[in-house]
Amino acid sequence: MADPKIRLSEMLGKLKGRNFRITPQRFAVVKILALSDGHPSVEMIYEEVKKDFPTTSIATVYKTVSLLKDLKEVLELGFPEGGNRYDGNRPFPHPHVICVKCKKIVDPKLDSLTDMTEELVSDTGFEIISHRVDFFGFCPECKRKRG
C-alpha cells in the first residue's frame, strides 16, 4: 500500500493542477479513496461522506470518482454482477485477490507479473497498455466460517 498521506496529496494536487475546486465533500471522497486499502464502491464512499455531510448526494460522489478515474488517480474494478469498486491507493493495473463470500479485495505482492507481461509481449508482439489479473477464493475469515 502506498503512503496514504502522499496519495492524498498527489490526488489533491492533480485536481488543483487542473483547476478543480476542492469542496469539503470532494475532499472527503478523495480522502476516503486515498486512505482505503479496501477498494470501496461508490455506495460505500457515499455512506462515509454522509456521516460528515448529510446533504451530500450520491451524484456528487459519482462525479468525483469519475473525475478521479479520468485523471488516472483511481483504478476502477468492474464486476459482471455490477458494483464497481475503486482503488485510489494504487491507481495502476495490479493483481487482486477477491473473496467470493464477503467481497473483500486484497492487493497481493506479485512481482512475477512484470515477467509475465514481458513474456506476453515477446510471444505475441502486442503492445500491452493495461492488464487485469484477479484471483477469486475465500478470505481467511470466510474460510474459517465455512469450516
C-alpha atoms as a PDB file:
ATOM      1  CA  MET A   1       0.000   0.000   0.000  1.00  0.00           C
ATOM      2  CA  ALA A   2       1.301   3.443  -0.900  1.00  0.00           C
ATOM      3  CA  ASP A   3       1.628   6.034   1.854  1.00  0.00           C
ATOM      4  CA  PRO A   4      -1.978   7.280   2.215  1.00  0.00           C
ATOM      5  CA  LYS A   5      -0.925  10.842   3.092  1.00  0.00           C
ATOM      6  CA  ILE A   6       1.250  11.044  -0.019  1.00  0.00           C
ATOM      7  CA  ARG A   7      -1.573   9.622  -2.166  1.00  0.00           C
ATOM      8  CA  LEU A   8      -3.993  12.180  -0.718  1.00  0.00           C
ATOM      9  CA  SER A   9      -1.563  14.977  -1.527  1.00  0.00           C
ATOM     10  CA  GLU A  10      -0.989  13.640  -5.070  1.00  0.00           C
ATOM     11  CA  MET A  11      -4.695  13.331  -5.781  1.00  0.00           C
ATOM     12  CA  LEU A  12      -5.489  16.800  -4.460  1.00  0.00           C
ATOM     13  CA  GLY A  13      -2.525  18.213  -6.377  1.00  0.00           C
ATOM     14  CA  LYS A  14      -3.808  16.708  -9.623  1.00  0.00           C
ATOM     15  CA  LEU A  15      -7.254  18.237  -9.048  1.00  0.00           C
ATOM     16  CA  LYS A  16      -5.829  21.649  -8.147  1.00  0.00           C
ATOM     17  CA  GLY A  17      -3.442  21.496 -11.094  1.00  0.00           C
ATOM     18  CA  ARG A  18      -6.445  21.109 -13.385  1.00  0.00           C
ATOM     19  CA  ASN A  19      -8.285  23.967 -11.620  1.00  0.00           C
ATOM     20  CA  PHE A  20     -10.955  21.803  -9.985  1.00  0.00           C
ATOM     21  CA  ARG A  21     -12.423  23.192  -6.774  1.00  0.00           C
ATOM     22  CA  ILE A  22     -11.704  21.233  -3.612  1.00  0.00           C
ATOM     23  CA  THR A  23     -15.062  21.389  -1.875  1.00  0.00           C
ATOM     24  CA  PRO A  24     -15.350  19.777   1.563  1.00  0.00           C
ATOM     25  CA  GLN A  25     -17.399  16.949   0.036  1.00  0.00           C
ATOM     26  CA  ARG A  26     -14.872  16.384  -2.770  1.00  0.00           C
ATOM     27  CA  PHE A  27     -12.056  16.406  -0.223  1.00  0.00           C
ATOM     28  CA  ALA A  28     -13.924  13.772   1.816  1.00  0.00           C
ATOM     29  CA  VAL A  29     -14.304  11.487  -1.232  1.00  0.00           C
ATOM     30  CA  VAL A  30     -10.644  11.876  -2.182  1.00  0.00           C
ATOM     31  CA  LYS A  31      -9.549  11.217   1.391  1.00  0.00           C
ATOM     32  CA  ILE A  32     -11.588   8.004   1.617  1.00  0.00           C
ATOM     33  CA  LEU A  33     -10.108   6.731  -1.642  1.00  0.00           C
ATOM     34  CA  ALA A  34      -6.543   7.681  -0.694  1.00  0.00           C
ATOM     35  CA  LEU A  35      -6.722   6.133   2.770  1.00  0.00           C
ATOM     36  CA  SER A  36      -8.651   2.970   1.920  1.00  0.00           C
ATOM     37  CA  ASP A  37      -6.984  -0.339   1.238  1.00  0.00           C
ATOM     38  CA  GLY A  38     -10.411  -1.961   0.905  1.00  0.00           C
ATOM     39  CA  HIS A  39     -11.382  -0.863  -2.613  1.00  0.00           C
ATOM     40  CA  PRO A  40     -14.684   0.843  -1.737  1.00  0.00           C
ATOM     41  CA  SER A  41     -17.706   1.117  -4.011  1.00  0.00           C
ATOM     42  CA  VAL A  42     -19.370   4.470  -4.688  1.00  0.00           C
ATOM     43  CA  GLU A  43     -22.116   3.428  -2.270  1.00  0.00           C
ATOM     44  CA  MET A  44     -19.570   2.704   0.479  1.00  0.00           C
ATOM     45  CA  ILE A  45     -17.894   6.068  -0.092  1.00  0.00           C
ATOM     46  CA  TYR A  46     -21.282   7.793  -0.069  1.00  0.00           C
ATOM     47  CA  GLU A  47     -22.199   6.243   3.296  1.00  0.00           C
ATOM     48  CA  GLU A  48     -18.928   7.512   4.803  1.00  0.00           C
ATOM     49  CA  VAL A  49     -19.249  11.019   3.337  1.00  0.00           C
ATOM     50  CA  LYS A  50     -22.864  11.312   4.568  1.00  0.00           C
ATOM     51  CA  LYS A  51     -21.673  10.971   8.165  1.00  0.00           C
ATOM     52  CA  ASP A  52     -19.992  14.387   7.984  1.00  0.00           C
ATOM     53  CA  PHE A  53     -22.015  15.905   5.115  1.00  0.00           C
ATOM     54  CA  PRO A  54     -25.584  14.572   5.381  1.00  0.00           C
ATOM     55  CA  THR A  55     -26.890  16.670   2.486  1.00  0.00           C
ATOM     56  CA  THR A  56     -24.333  15.292   0.010  1.00  0.00           C
ATOM     57  CA  SER A  57     -25.914  13.497  -2.932  1.00  0.00           C
ATOM     58  CA  ILE A  58     -24.669  10.230  -4.328  1.00  0.00           C
ATOM     59  CA  ALA A  59     -24.320  12.063  -7.656  1.00  0.00           C
ATOM     60  CA  THR A  60     -21.567  14.192  -6.084  1.00  0.00           C
ATOM     61  CA  VAL A  61     -19.683  11.042  -5.140  1.00  0.00           C
ATOM     62  CA  TYR A  62     -20.170   9.511  -8.604  1.00  0.00           C
ATOM     63  CA  LYS A  63     -18.938  12.714 -10.279  1.00  0.00           C
ATOM     64  CA  THR A  64     -15.858  12.935  -8.061  1.00  0.00           C
ATOM     65  CA  VAL A  65     -14.947   9.281  -8.550  1.00  0.00           C
ATOM     66  CA  SER A  66     -15.480   9.615 -12.304  1.00  0.00           C
ATOM     67  CA  LEU A  67     -13.295  12.723 -12.393  1.00  0.00           C
ATOM     68  CA  LEU A  68     -10.528  10.951 -10.468  1.00  0.00           C
ATOM     69  CA  LYS A  69     -10.821   7.983 -12.810  1.00  0.00           C
ATOM     70  CA  ASP A  70     -10.464  10.281 -15.841  1.00  0.00           C
ATOM     71  CA  LEU A  71      -7.370  11.810 -14.231  1.00  0.00           C
ATOM     72  CA  LYS A  72      -5.948   8.275 -13.717  1.00  0.00           C
ATOM     73  CA  GLU A  73      -5.974   8.764  -9.939  1.00  0.00           C
ATOM     74  CA  VAL A  74      -8.227   5.785  -9.222  1.00  0.00           C
ATOM     75  CA  LEU A  75      -8.382   2.314 -10.706  1.00  0.00           C
ATOM     76  CA  GLU A  76     -11.882   1.020 -11.397  1.00  0.00           C
ATOM     77  CA  LEU A  77     -12.551  -2.665 -10.853  1.00  0.00           C
ATOM     78  CA  GLY A  78     -15.678  -3.687 -12.718  1.00  0.00           C
ATOM     79  CA  PHE A  79     -17.515  -6.911 -11.960  1.00  0.00           C
ATOM     80  CA  PRO A  80     -20.073  -8.754 -14.107  1.00  0.00           C
ATOM     81  CA  GLU A  81     -22.683  -8.704 -11.325  1.00  0.00           C
ATOM     82  CA  GLY A  82     -22.257  -4.932 -11.005  1.00  0.00           C
ATOM     83  CA  GLY A  83     -20.990  -2.957  -8.080  1.00  0.00           C
ATOM     84  CA  ASN A  84     -17.729  -1.457  -9.304  1.00  0.00           C
ATOM     85  CA  ARG A  85     -15.030  -0.925  -6.717  1.00  0.00           C
ATOM     86  CA  TYR A  86     -12.260   1.676  -6.717  1.00  0.00           C
ATOM     87  CA  ASP A  87      -8.600   1.730  -5.755  1.00  0.00           C
ATOM     88  CA  GLY A  88      -7.265   5.198  -5.049  1.00  0.00           C
ATOM     89  CA  ASN A  89      -4.188   3.961  -3.286  1.00  0.00           C
ATOM     90  CA  ARG A  90      -2.704   2.039  -6.229  1.00  0.00           C
ATOM     91  CA  PRO A  91      -4.310   3.557  -9.366  1.00  0.00           C
ATOM     92  CA  PHE A  92      -2.455   1.382 -11.852  1.00  0.00           C
ATOM     93  CA  PRO A  93      -3.035  -2.178 -13.076  1.00  0.00           C
ATOM     94  CA  HIS A  94      -2.089  -4.733 -10.434  1.00  0.00           C
ATOM     95  CA  PRO A  95      -3.430  -8.123  -9.297  1.00  0.00           C
ATOM     96  CA  HIS A  96      -6.246  -8.551  -6.791  1.00  0.00           C
ATOM     97  CA  VAL A  97      -7.436 -11.422  -4.610  1.00  0.00           C
ATOM     98  CA  ILE A  98     -11.196 -11.259  -4.117  1.00  0.00           C
ATOM     99  CA  CYS A  99     -13.296 -13.151  -1.591  1.00  0.00           C
ATOM    100  CA  VAL A 100     -16.352 -14.638  -3.289  1.00  0.00           C
ATOM    101  CA  LYS A 101     -18.273 -14.601   0.007  1.00  0.00           C
ATOM    102  CA  CYS A 102     -17.682 -11.206   1.680  1.00  0.00           C
ATOM    103  CA  LYS A 103     -16.296  -9.395  -1.415  1.00  0.00           C
ATOM    104  CA  LYS A 104     -13.114  -8.311   0.404  1.00  0.00           C
ATOM    105  CA  ILE A 105     -10.376  -7.266  -2.058  1.00  0.00           C
ATOM    106  CA  VAL A 106      -6.675  -7.555  -1.252  1.00  0.00           C
ATOM    107  CA  ASP A 107      -3.661  -6.348  -3.237  1.00  0.00           C
ATOM    108  CA  PRO A 108      -1.097  -9.173  -3.177  1.00  0.00           C
ATOM    109  CA  LYS A 109       2.567  -8.504  -3.814  1.00  0.00           C
ATOM    110  CA  LEU A 110       3.188 -10.380  -7.063  1.00  0.00           C
ATOM    111  CA  ASP A 111       6.474  -9.339  -8.646  1.00  0.00           C
ATOM    112  CA  SER A 112       6.335 -12.079 -11.284  1.00  0.00           C
ATOM    113  CA  LEU A 113       3.569 -10.197 -13.132  1.00  0.00           C
ATOM    114  CA  THR A 114       6.210  -7.958 -14.739  1.00  0.00           C
ATOM    115  CA  ASP A 115       7.965 -11.039 -16.133  1.00  0.00           C
ATOM    116  CA  MET A 116       4.636 -12.399 -17.395  1.00  0.00           C
ATOM    117  CA  THR A 117       3.870  -9.125 -19.202  1.00  0.00           C
ATOM    118  CA  GLU A 118       7.294  -9.105 -20.863  1.00  0.00           C
ATOM    119  CA  GLU A 119       6.785 -12.729 -21.939  1.00  0.00           C
ATOM    120  CA  LEU A 120       3.374 -11.879 -23.442  1.00  0.00           C
ATOM    121  CA  VAL A 121       4.877  -9.006 -25.422  1.00  0.00           C
ATOM    122  CA  SER A 122       7.665 -11.278 -26.672  1.00  0.00           C
ATOM    123  CA  ASP A 123       5.287 -14.125 -27.612  1.00  0.00           C
ATOM    124  CA  THR A 124       2.505 -12.086 -29.214  1.00  0.00           C
ATOM    125  CA  GLY A 125       4.075  -8.852 -30.424  1.00  0.00           C
ATOM    126  CA  PHE A 126       1.279  -6.941 -28.665  1.00  0.00           C
ATOM    127  CA  GLU A 127       1.912  -3.598 -27.028  1.00  0.00           C
ATOM    128  CA  ILE A 128       0.357  -4.128 -23.606  1.00  0.00           C
ATOM    129  CA  ILE A 129      -1.323  -0.918 -22.422  1.00  0.00           C
ATOM    130  CA  SER A 130      -3.165  -2.354 -19.445  1.00  0.00           C
ATOM    131  CA  HIS A 131      -3.985  -5.642 -17.773  1.00  0.00           C
ATOM    132  CA  ARG A 132      -6.184  -7.122 -15.119  1.00  0.00           C
ATOM    133  CA  VAL A 133      -5.414 -10.193 -13.072  1.00  0.00           C
ATOM    134  CA  ASP A 134      -7.914 -11.247 -10.405  1.00  0.00           C
ATOM    135  CA  PHE A 135      -7.885 -14.338  -8.219  1.00  0.00           C
ATOM    136  CA  PHE A 136     -11.121 -15.458  -6.577  1.00  0.00           C
ATOM    137  CA  GLY A 137     -11.482 -17.529  -3.432  1.00  0.00           C
ATOM    138  CA  PHE A 138     -12.370 -17.373   0.246  1.00  0.00           C
ATOM    139  CA  CYS A 139     -10.576 -14.959   2.576  1.00  0.00           C
ATOM    140  CA  PRO A 140      -9.202 -16.462   5.824  1.00  0.00           C
ATOM    141  CA  GLU A 141     -12.214 -15.267   7.846  1.00  0.00           C
ATOM    142  CA  CYS A 142     -14.821 -16.666   5.425  1.00  0.00           C
ATOM    143  CA  LYS A 143     -12.776 -19.857   5.082  1.00  0.00           C
ATOM    144  CA  ARG A 144     -12.915 -20.334   8.888  1.00  0.00           C
ATOM    145  CA  LYS A 145     -16.681 -19.732   8.899  1.00  0.00           C
ATOM    146  CA  ARG A 146     -17.155 -22.373   6.190  1.00  0.00           C
ATOM    147  CA  GLY A 147     -15.439 -24.935   8.398  1.00  0.00           C
END
